[in-house]
């Protein structure tokens, strides 16, 4: 992912984003869901990798899974915040 200059305020390199614990859990669950989808769609034999091979999952089921994952990631990203700046001395 590219970072656009001038799109974010300047922050010290030691700071990072704050992510609530439930958002972190959502990221872990989303990662596990993606690994499951990868296993479900992976070829199991040389025949499964041929052009005429068919996936046993219906396109609508895959679309639902991807939409659900996208919604979860969108929700999680909306929870990310910069830490509050310390009061000026």
PDB file of N, CA and C in Angstrom:
ATOM      1  N   UNK A   1       0.842  -1.160   0.000  1.00  0.00           N
ATOM      2  CA  UNK A   1       0.000   0.000   0.000  1.00  0.00           C
ATOM      3  C   UNK A   1       0.890   1.227   0.000  1.00  0.00           C
ATOM      4  N   UNK A   2       0.567   2.193  -0.863  1.00  0.00           N
ATOM      5  CA  UNK A   2       1.336   3.421  -0.940  1.00  0.00           C
ATOM      6  C   UNK A   2       0.811   4.420   0.069  1.00  0.00           C
ATOM      7  N   UNK A   3       1.748   5.180   0.624  1.00  0.00           N
ATOM      8  CA  UNK A   3       1.353   6.252   1.515  1.00  0.00           C
ATOM      9  C   UNK A   3       1.469   7.548   0.743  1.00  0.00           C
ATOM     10  N   UNK A   4       0.372   8.295   0.710  1.00  0.00           N
ATOM     11  CA  UNK A   4       0.358   9.558  -0.011  1.00  0.00           C
ATOM     12  C   UNK A   4       0.917  10.655   0.873  1.00  0.00           C
ATOM     13  N   UNK A   5       1.863  11.417   0.331  1.00  0.00           N
ATOM     14  CA  UNK A   5       2.427  12.528   1.075  1.00  0.00           C
ATOM     15  C   UNK A   5       1.359  13.578   1.312  1.00  0.00           C
ATOM     16  N   UNK A   6       1.353  14.097   2.530  1.00  0.00           N
ATOM     17  CA  UNK A   6       0.449  15.169   2.856  1.00  0.00           C
ATOM     18  C   UNK A   6      -0.961  14.711   3.198  1.00  0.00           C
ATOM     19  N   UNK A   7      -1.232  13.401   3.140  1.00  0.00           N
ATOM     20  CA  UNK A   7      -2.585  12.940   3.424  1.00  0.00           C
ATOM     21  C   UNK A   7      -2.821  12.763   4.923  1.00  0.00           C
ATOM     22  N   UNK A   8      -1.788  12.607   5.693  1.00  0.00           N
ATOM     23  CA  UNK A   8      -1.897  12.416   7.134  1.00  0.00           C
ATOM     24  C   UNK A   8      -1.003  13.421   7.851  1.00  0.00           C
ATOM     25  N   UNK A   9      -1.393  13.824   9.059  1.00  0.00           N
ATOM     26  CA  UNK A   9      -0.518  14.702   9.818  1.00  0.00           C
ATOM     27  C   UNK A   9       0.777  13.978  10.165  1.00  0.00           C
ATOM     28  N   UNK A  10       1.827  14.734  10.323  1.00  0.00           N
ATOM     29  CA  UNK A  10       3.125  14.160  10.658  1.00  0.00           C
ATOM     30  C   UNK A  10       3.075  13.572  12.066  1.00  0.00           C
ATOM     31  N   UNK A  11       3.563  12.364  12.229  1.00  0.00           N
ATOM     32  CA  UNK A  11       3.580  11.679  13.529  1.00  0.00           C
ATOM     33  C   UNK A  11       4.989  11.167  13.789  1.00  0.00           C
ATOM     34  N   UNK A  12       5.406  11.149  15.055  1.00  0.00           N
ATOM     35  CA  UNK A  12       6.706  10.555  15.372  1.00  0.00           C
ATOM     36  C   UNK A  12       6.722   9.075  15.001  1.00  0.00           C
ATOM     37  N   UNK A  13       7.887   8.580  14.608  1.00  0.00           N
ATOM     38  CA  UNK A  13       8.018   7.197  14.151  1.00  0.00           C
ATOM     39  C   UNK A  13       7.668   6.198  15.248  1.00  0.00           C
ATOM     40  N   UNK A  14       7.799   6.576  16.531  1.00  0.00           N
ATOM     41  CA  UNK A  14       7.550   5.638  17.619  1.00  0.00           C
ATOM     42  C   UNK A  14       6.058   5.446  17.898  1.00  0.00           C
ATOM     43  N   UNK A  15       5.202   6.324  17.368  1.00  0.00           N
ATOM     44  CA  UNK A  15       3.777   6.185  17.602  1.00  0.00           C
ATOM     45  C   UNK A  15       3.160   5.242  16.595  1.00  0.00           C
ATOM     46  N   UNK A  16       1.998   4.767  16.930  1.00  0.00           N
ATOM     47  CA  UNK A  16       1.269   3.913  16.018  1.00  0.00           C
ATOM     48  C   UNK A  16      -0.216   4.121  16.221  1.00  0.00           C
ATOM     49  N   UNK A  17      -0.988   3.332  15.538  1.00  0.00           N
ATOM     50  CA  UNK A  17      -2.431   3.401  15.647  1.00  0.00           C
ATOM     51  C   UNK A  17      -2.892   2.652  16.895  1.00  0.00           C
ATOM     52  N   UNK A  18      -4.021   3.075  17.435  1.00  0.00           N
ATOM     53  CA  UNK A  18      -4.666   2.344  18.517  1.00  0.00           C
ATOM     54  C   UNK A  18      -5.772   1.487  17.911  1.00  0.00           C
ATOM     55  N   UNK A  19      -5.813   0.241  18.321  1.00  0.00           N
ATOM     56  CA  UNK A  19      -6.812  -0.679  17.821  1.00  0.00           C
ATOM     57  C   UNK A  19      -7.489  -1.333  19.022  1.00  0.00           C
ATOM     58  N   UNK A  20      -8.795  -1.129  19.186  1.00  0.00           N
ATOM     59  CA  UNK A  20      -9.489  -1.751  20.309  1.00  0.00           C
ATOM     60  C   UNK A  20      -9.342  -3.276  20.266  1.00  0.00           C
ATOM     61  N   UNK A  21      -9.447  -3.887  21.439  1.00  0.00           N
ATOM     62  CA  UNK A  21      -9.252  -5.327  21.545  1.00  0.00           C
ATOM     63  C   UNK A  21     -10.255  -6.113  20.692  1.00  0.00           C
ATOM     64  N   UNK A  22     -11.513  -5.672  20.664  1.00  0.00           N
ATOM     65  CA  UNK A  22     -12.498  -6.397  19.854  1.00  0.00           C
ATOM     66  C   UNK A  22     -12.192  -6.272  18.357  1.00  0.00           C
ATOM     67  N   UNK A  23     -11.622  -5.143  17.943  1.00  0.00           N
ATOM     68  CA  UNK A  23     -11.225  -4.978  16.540  1.00  0.00           C
ATOM     69  C   UNK A  23     -10.045  -5.892  16.216  1.00  0.00           C
ATOM     70  N   UNK A  24      -9.128  -6.047  17.165  1.00  0.00           N
ATOM     71  CA  UNK A  24      -7.993  -6.966  16.982  1.00  0.00           C
ATOM     72  C   UNK A  24      -8.501  -8.395  16.837  1.00  0.00           C
ATOM     73  N   UNK A  25      -9.468  -8.772  17.662  1.00  0.00           N
ATOM     74  CA  UNK A  25     -10.049 -10.107  17.569  1.00  0.00           C
ATOM     75  C   UNK A  25     -10.717 -10.303  16.211  1.00  0.00           C
ATOM     76  N   UNK A  26     -11.396  -9.279  15.719  1.00  0.00           N
ATOM     77  CA  UNK A  26     -12.026  -9.363  14.395  1.00  0.00           C
ATOM     78  C   UNK A  26     -10.977  -9.593  13.314  1.00  0.00           C
ATOM     79  N   UNK A  27      -9.833  -8.923  13.413  1.00  0.00           N
ATOM     80  CA  UNK A  27      -8.763  -9.142  12.437  1.00  0.00           C
ATOM     81  C   UNK A  27      -8.253 -10.582  12.479  1.00  0.00           C
ATOM     82  N   UNK A  28      -8.099 -11.126  13.678  1.00  0.00           N
ATOM     83  CA  UNK A  28      -7.649 -12.516  13.819  1.00  0.00           C
ATOM     84  C   UNK A  28      -8.675 -13.467  13.203  1.00  0.00           C
ATOM     85  N   UNK A  29      -9.956 -13.248  13.505  1.00  0.00           N
ATOM     86  CA  UNK A  29     -11.009 -14.100  12.955  1.00  0.00           C
ATOM     87  C   UNK A  29     -11.090 -13.983  11.434  1.00  0.00           C
ATOM     88  N   UNK A  30     -10.902 -12.784  10.923  1.00  0.00           N
ATOM     89  CA  UNK A  30     -10.930 -12.576   9.470  1.00  0.00           C
ATOM     90  C   UNK A  30      -9.773 -13.306   8.809  1.00  0.00           C
ATOM     91  N   UNK A  31      -8.612 -13.247   9.428  1.00  0.00           N
ATOM     92  CA  UNK A  31      -7.457 -13.979   8.904  1.00  0.00           C
ATOM     93  C   UNK A  31      -7.740 -15.481   8.871  1.00  0.00           C
ATOM     94  N   UNK A  32      -8.316 -16.005   9.940  1.00  0.00           N
ATOM     95  CA  UNK A  32      -8.645 -17.427   9.989  1.00  0.00           C
ATOM     96  C   UNK A  32      -9.689 -17.791   8.919  1.00  0.00           C
ATOM     97  N   UNK A  33     -10.651 -16.915   8.699  1.00  0.00           N
ATOM     98  CA  UNK A  33     -11.680 -17.143   7.684  1.00  0.00           C
ATOM     99  C   UNK A  33     -11.049 -17.182   6.287  1.00  0.00           C
ATOM    100  N   UNK A  34     -10.122 -16.263   6.032  1.00  0.00           N
ATOM    101  CA  UNK A  34      -9.434 -16.267   4.733  1.00  0.00           C
ATOM    102  C   UNK A  34      -8.605 -17.531   4.536  1.00  0.00           C
ATOM    103  N   UNK A  35      -7.955 -18.001   5.593  1.00  0.00           N
ATOM    104  CA  UNK A  35      -7.195 -19.259   5.499  1.00  0.00           C
ATOM    105  C   UNK A  35      -8.139 -20.429   5.204  1.00  0.00           C
ATOM    106  N   UNK A  36      -9.327 -20.427   5.819  1.00  0.00           N
ATOM    107  CA  UNK A  36     -10.312 -21.470   5.558  1.00  0.00           C
ATOM    108  C   UNK A  36     -10.741 -21.440   4.091  1.00  0.00           C
ATOM    109  N   UNK A  37     -11.044 -20.249   3.580  1.00  0.00           N
ATOM    110  CA  UNK A  37     -11.441 -20.140   2.169  1.00  0.00           C
ATOM    111  C   UNK A  37     -10.316 -20.603   1.245  1.00  0.00           C
ATOM    112  N   UNK A  38      -9.086 -20.287   1.594  1.00  0.00           N
ATOM    113  CA  UNK A  38      -7.953 -20.739   0.780  1.00  0.00           C
ATOM    114  C   UNK A  38      -7.880 -22.266   0.766  1.00  0.00           C
ATOM    115  N   UNK A  39      -8.096 -22.896   1.921  1.00  0.00           N
ATOM    116  CA  UNK A  39      -8.075 -24.365   1.968  1.00  0.00           C
ATOM    117  C   UNK A  39      -9.246 -24.966   1.192  1.00  0.00           C
ATOM    118  N   UNK A  40     -10.420 -24.338   1.293  1.00  0.00           N
ATOM    119  CA  UNK A  40     -11.592 -24.862   0.578  1.00  0.00           C
ATOM    120  C   UNK A  40     -11.443 -24.774  -0.938  1.00  0.00           C
ATOM    121  N   UNK A  41     -10.738 -23.775  -1.402  1.00  0.00           N
ATOM    122  CA  UNK A  41     -10.616 -23.568  -2.848  1.00  0.00           C
ATOM    123  C   UNK A  41      -9.321 -24.126  -3.437  1.00  0.00           C
ATOM    124  N   UNK A  42      -8.436 -24.639  -2.608  1.00  0.00           N
ATOM    125  CA  UNK A  42      -7.160 -25.167  -3.090  1.00  0.00           C
ATOM    126  C   UNK A  42      -7.377 -26.482  -3.850  1.00  0.00           C
ATOM    127  N   UNK A  43      -6.617 -26.691  -4.927  1.00  0.00           N
ATOM    128  CA  UNK A  43      -6.709 -27.962  -5.656  1.00  0.00           C
ATOM    129  C   UNK A  43      -6.304 -29.125  -4.747  1.00  0.00           C
ATOM    130  N   UNK A  44      -7.032 -30.244  -4.842  1.00  0.00           N
ATOM    131  CA  UNK A  44      -6.734 -31.401  -4.002  1.00  0.00           C
ATOM    132  C   UNK A  44      -6.070 -32.524  -4.820  1.00  0.00           C
ATOM    133  N   UNK A  45      -6.139 -32.378  -6.138  1.00  0.00           N
ATOM    134  CA  UNK A  45      -5.506 -33.366  -7.012  1.00  0.00           C
ATOM    135  C   UNK A  45      -5.070 -32.639  -8.282  1.00  0.00           C
ATOM    136  N   UNK A  46      -4.219 -33.265  -9.082  1.00  0.00           N
ATOM    137  CA  UNK A  46      -3.808 -32.629 -10.337  1.00  0.00           C
ATOM    138  C   UNK A  46      -5.008 -32.309 -11.238  1.00  0.00           C
ATOM    139  N   UNK A  47      -6.056 -33.140 -11.184  1.00  0.00           N
ATOM    140  CA  UNK A  47      -7.253 -32.895 -11.996  1.00  0.00           C
ATOM    141  C   UNK A  47      -7.952 -31.593 -11.569  1.00  0.00           C
ATOM    142  N   UNK A  48      -7.901 -31.272 -10.287  1.00  0.00           N
ATOM    143  CA  UNK A  48      -8.546 -30.054  -9.779  1.00  0.00           C
ATOM    144  C   UNK A  48      -7.915 -28.785 -10.333  1.00  0.00           C
ATOM    145  N   UNK A  49      -6.718 -28.897 -10.846  1.00  0.00           N
ATOM    146  CA  UNK A  49      -6.005 -27.719 -11.338  1.00  0.00           C
ATOM    147  C   UNK A  49      -6.147 -27.529 -12.853  1.00  0.00           C
ATOM    148  N   UNK A  50      -6.897 -28.416 -13.511  1.00  0.00           N
ATOM    149  CA  UNK A  50      -7.103 -28.309 -14.945  1.00  0.00           C
ATOM    150  C   UNK A  50      -8.126 -27.218 -15.268  1.00  0.00           C
ATOM    151  N   UNK A  51      -8.055 -26.635 -16.462  1.00  0.00           N
ATOM    152  CA  UNK A  51      -8.992 -25.560 -16.831  1.00  0.00           C
ATOM    153  C   UNK A  51     -10.465 -25.965 -16.750  1.00  0.00           C
ATOM    154  N   UNK A  52     -10.781 -27.233 -17.027  1.00  0.00           N
ATOM    155  CA  UNK A  52     -12.188 -27.655 -17.001  1.00  0.00           C
ATOM    156  C   UNK A  52     -12.671 -28.055 -15.600  1.00  0.00           C
ATOM    157  N   UNK A  53     -11.795 -28.022 -14.618  1.00  0.00           N
ATOM    158  CA  UNK A  53     -12.184 -28.381 -13.247  1.00  0.00           C
ATOM    159  C   UNK A  53     -13.169 -27.352 -12.694  1.00  0.00           C
ATOM    160  N   UNK A  54     -14.093 -27.832 -11.882  1.00  0.00           N
ATOM    161  CA  UNK A  54     -15.088 -26.947 -11.287  1.00  0.00           C
ATOM    162  C   UNK A  54     -14.884 -26.892  -9.781  1.00  0.00           C
ATOM    163  N   UNK A  55     -15.161 -25.746  -9.230  1.00  0.00           N
ATOM    164  CA  UNK A  55     -15.078 -25.551  -7.792  1.00  0.00           C
ATOM    165  C   UNK A  55     -16.388 -26.008  -7.171  1.00  0.00           C
ATOM    166  N   UNK A  56     -16.298 -26.731  -6.069  1.00  0.00           N
ATOM    167  CA  UNK A  56     -17.513 -27.264  -5.458  1.00  0.00           C
ATOM    168  C   UNK A  56     -18.311 -26.182  -4.720  1.00  0.00           C
ATOM    169  N   UNK A  57     -17.750 -25.013  -4.568  1.00  0.00           N
ATOM    170  CA  UNK A  57     -18.478 -23.904  -3.939  1.00  0.00           C
ATOM    171  C   UNK A  57     -19.180 -23.084  -5.010  1.00  0.00           C
ATOM    172  N   UNK A  58     -20.394 -22.704  -4.732  1.00  0.00           N
ATOM    173  CA  UNK A  58     -21.141 -21.880  -5.688  1.00  0.00           C
ATOM    174  C   UNK A  58     -20.632 -20.442  -5.633  1.00  0.00           C
ATOM    175  N   UNK A  59     -20.646 -19.741  -6.770  1.00  0.00           N
ATOM    176  CA  UNK A  59     -20.194 -18.346  -6.793  1.00  0.00           C
ATOM    177  C   UNK A  59     -20.917 -17.467  -5.782  1.00  0.00           C
ATOM    178  N   UNK A  60     -22.218 -17.692  -5.578  1.00  0.00           N
ATOM    179  CA  UNK A  60     -22.958 -16.868  -4.625  1.00  0.00           C
ATOM    180  C   UNK A  60     -22.441 -17.087  -3.198  1.00  0.00           C
ATOM    181  N   UNK A  61     -22.024 -18.299  -2.888  1.00  0.00           N
ATOM    182  CA  UNK A  61     -21.472 -18.575  -1.557  1.00  0.00           C
ATOM    183  C   UNK A  61     -20.140 -17.861  -1.373  1.00  0.00           C
ATOM    184  N   UNK A  62     -19.294 -17.911  -2.398  1.00  0.00           N
ATOM    185  CA  UNK A  62     -18.016 -17.200  -2.314  1.00  0.00           C
ATOM    186  C   UNK A  62     -18.231 -15.697  -2.230  1.00  0.00           C
ATOM    187  N   UNK A  63     -19.167 -15.177  -3.008  1.00  0.00           N
ATOM    188  CA  UNK A  63     -19.456 -13.750  -2.974  1.00  0.00           C
ATOM    189  C   UNK A  63     -19.916 -13.334  -1.582  1.00  0.00           C
ATOM    190  N   UNK A  64     -20.756 -14.142  -0.961  1.00  0.00           N
ATOM    191  CA  UNK A  64     -21.225 -13.851   0.394  1.00  0.00           C
ATOM    192  C   UNK A  64     -20.047 -13.828   1.373  1.00  0.00           C
ATOM    193  N   UNK A  65     -19.172 -14.814   1.260  1.00  0.00           N
ATOM    194  CA  UNK A  65     -18.002 -14.870   2.151  1.00  0.00           C
ATOM    195  C   UNK A  65     -17.122 -13.639   1.981  1.00  0.00           C
ATOM    196  N   UNK A  66     -16.840 -13.272   0.742  1.00  0.00           N
ATOM    197  CA  UNK A  66     -15.987 -12.109   0.496  1.00  0.00           C
ATOM    198  C   UNK A  66     -16.646 -10.823   0.958  1.00  0.00           C
ATOM    199  N   UNK A  67     -17.953 -10.687   0.766  1.00  0.00           N
ATOM    200  CA  UNK A  67     -18.654  -9.490   1.215  1.00  0.00           C
ATOM    201  C   UNK A  67     -18.634  -9.397   2.741  1.00  0.00           C
ATOM    202  N   UNK A  68     -18.856 -10.521   3.404  1.00  0.00           N
ATOM    203  CA  UNK A  68     -18.811 -10.538   4.866  1.00  0.00           C
ATOM    204  C   UNK A  68     -17.421 -10.144   5.371  1.00  0.00           C
ATOM    205  N   UNK A  69     -16.389 -10.679   4.744  1.00  0.00           N
ATOM    206  CA  UNK A  69     -15.017 -10.339   5.139  1.00  0.00           C
ATOM    207  C   UNK A  69     -14.735  -8.861   4.898  1.00  0.00           C
ATOM    208  N   UNK A  70     -15.165  -8.334   3.778  1.00  0.00           N
ATOM    209  CA  UNK A  70     -14.958  -6.920   3.483  1.00  0.00           C
ATOM    210  C   UNK A  70     -15.684  -6.046   4.503  1.00  0.00           C
ATOM    211  N   UNK A  71     -16.911  -6.411   4.857  1.00  0.00           N
ATOM    212  CA  UNK A  71     -17.666  -5.643   5.849  1.00  0.00           C
ATOM    213  C   UNK A  71     -16.971  -5.662   7.206  1.00  0.00           C
ATOM    214  N   UNK A  72     -16.460  -6.821   7.600  1.00  0.00           N
ATOM    215  CA  UNK A  72     -15.760  -6.928   8.889  1.00  0.00           C
ATOM    216  C   UNK A  72     -14.491  -6.069   8.895  1.00  0.00           C
ATOM    217  N   UNK A  73     -13.762  -6.098   7.779  1.00  0.00           N
ATOM    218  CA  UNK A  73     -12.546  -5.290   7.702  1.00  0.00           C
ATOM    219  C   UNK A  73     -12.876  -3.799   7.694  1.00  0.00           C
ATOM    220  N   UNK A  74     -13.912  -3.402   6.972  1.00  0.00           N
ATOM    221  CA  UNK A  74     -14.337  -1.998   6.973  1.00  0.00           C
ATOM    222  C   UNK A  74     -14.681  -1.544   8.382  1.00  0.00           C
ATOM    223  N   UNK A  75     -15.447  -2.369   9.099  1.00  0.00           N
ATOM    224  CA  UNK A  75     -15.840  -2.032  10.469  1.00  0.00           C
ATOM    225  C   UNK A  75     -14.599  -1.894  11.362  1.00  0.00           C
ATOM    226  N   UNK A  76     -13.664  -2.809  11.210  1.00  0.00           N
ATOM    227  CA  UNK A  76     -12.444  -2.775  12.015  1.00  0.00           C
ATOM    228  C   UNK A  76     -11.609  -1.541  11.697  1.00  0.00           C
ATOM    229  N   UNK A  77     -11.464  -1.223  10.429  1.00  0.00           N
ATOM    230  CA  UNK A  77     -10.667  -0.055  10.044  1.00  0.00           C
ATOM    231  C   UNK A  77     -11.265   1.245  10.562  1.00  0.00           C
ATOM    232  N   UNK A  78     -12.581   1.308  10.674  1.00  0.00           N
ATOM    233  CA  UNK A  78     -13.222   2.514  11.222  1.00  0.00           C
ATOM    234  C   UNK A  78     -12.931   2.692  12.709  1.00  0.00           C
ATOM    235  N   UNK A  79     -12.483   1.631  13.381  1.00  0.00           N
ATOM    236  CA  UNK A  79     -12.184   1.710  14.805  1.00  0.00           C
ATOM    237  C   UNK A  79     -10.738   2.140  15.096  1.00  0.00           C
ATOM    238  N   UNK A  80      -9.901   2.160  14.083  1.00  0.00           N
ATOM    239  CA  UNK A  80      -8.492   2.523  14.261  1.00  0.00           C
ATOM    240  C   UNK A  80      -8.390   4.025  14.548  1.00  0.00           C
ATOM    241  N   UNK A  81      -7.618   4.382  15.546  1.00  0.00           N
ATOM    242  CA  UNK A  81      -7.440   5.780  15.935  1.00  0.00           C
ATOM    243  C   UNK A  81      -5.981   6.070  16.246  1.00  0.00           C
ATOM    244  N   UNK A  82      -5.586   7.308  16.022  1.00  0.00           N
ATOM    245  CA  UNK A  82      -4.284   7.773  16.482  1.00  0.00           C
ATOM    246  C   UNK A  82      -4.375   7.993  17.981  1.00  0.00           C
ATOM    247  N   UNK A  83      -3.303   7.733  18.736  1.00  0.00           N
ATOM    248  CA  UNK A  83      -3.320   8.016  20.161  1.00  0.00           C
ATOM    249  C   UNK A  83      -3.413   9.530  20.387  1.00  0.00           C
ATOM    250  N   UNK A  84      -3.990   9.899  21.512  1.00  0.00           N
ATOM    251  CA  UNK A  84      -4.081  11.317  21.857  1.00  0.00           C
ATOM    252  C   UNK A  84      -2.680  11.876  22.061  1.00  0.00           C
ATOM    253  N   UNK A  85      -2.466  13.096  21.578  1.00  0.00           N
ATOM    254  CA  UNK A  85      -1.170  13.754  21.763  1.00  0.00           C
ATOM    255  C   UNK A  85      -1.027  14.180  23.214  1.00  0.00           C
ATOM    256  N   UNK A  86       0.171  14.022  23.781  1.00  0.00           N
ATOM    257  CA  UNK A  86       0.372  14.473  25.169  1.00  0.00           C
ATOM    258  C   UNK A  86       0.248  15.984  25.234  1.00  0.00           C
ATOM    259  N   UNK A  87      -0.220  16.503  26.363  1.00  0.00           N
ATOM    260  CA  UNK A  87      -0.360  17.950  26.497  1.00  0.00           C
ATOM    261  C   UNK A  87       0.996  18.644  26.306  1.00  0.00           C
ATOM    262  N   UNK A  88       0.969  19.806  25.683  1.00  0.00           N
ATOM    263  CA  UNK A  88       2.208  20.574  25.483  1.00  0.00           C
ATOM    264  C   UNK A  88       2.710  21.058  26.825  1.00  0.00           C
ATOM    265  N   UNK A  89       4.015  20.989  27.006  1.00  0.00           N
ATOM    266  CA  UNK A  89       4.606  21.397  28.290  1.00  0.00           C
ATOM    267  C   UNK A  89       4.766  22.882  28.389  1.00  0.00           C
TER     268      UNK A  89
END
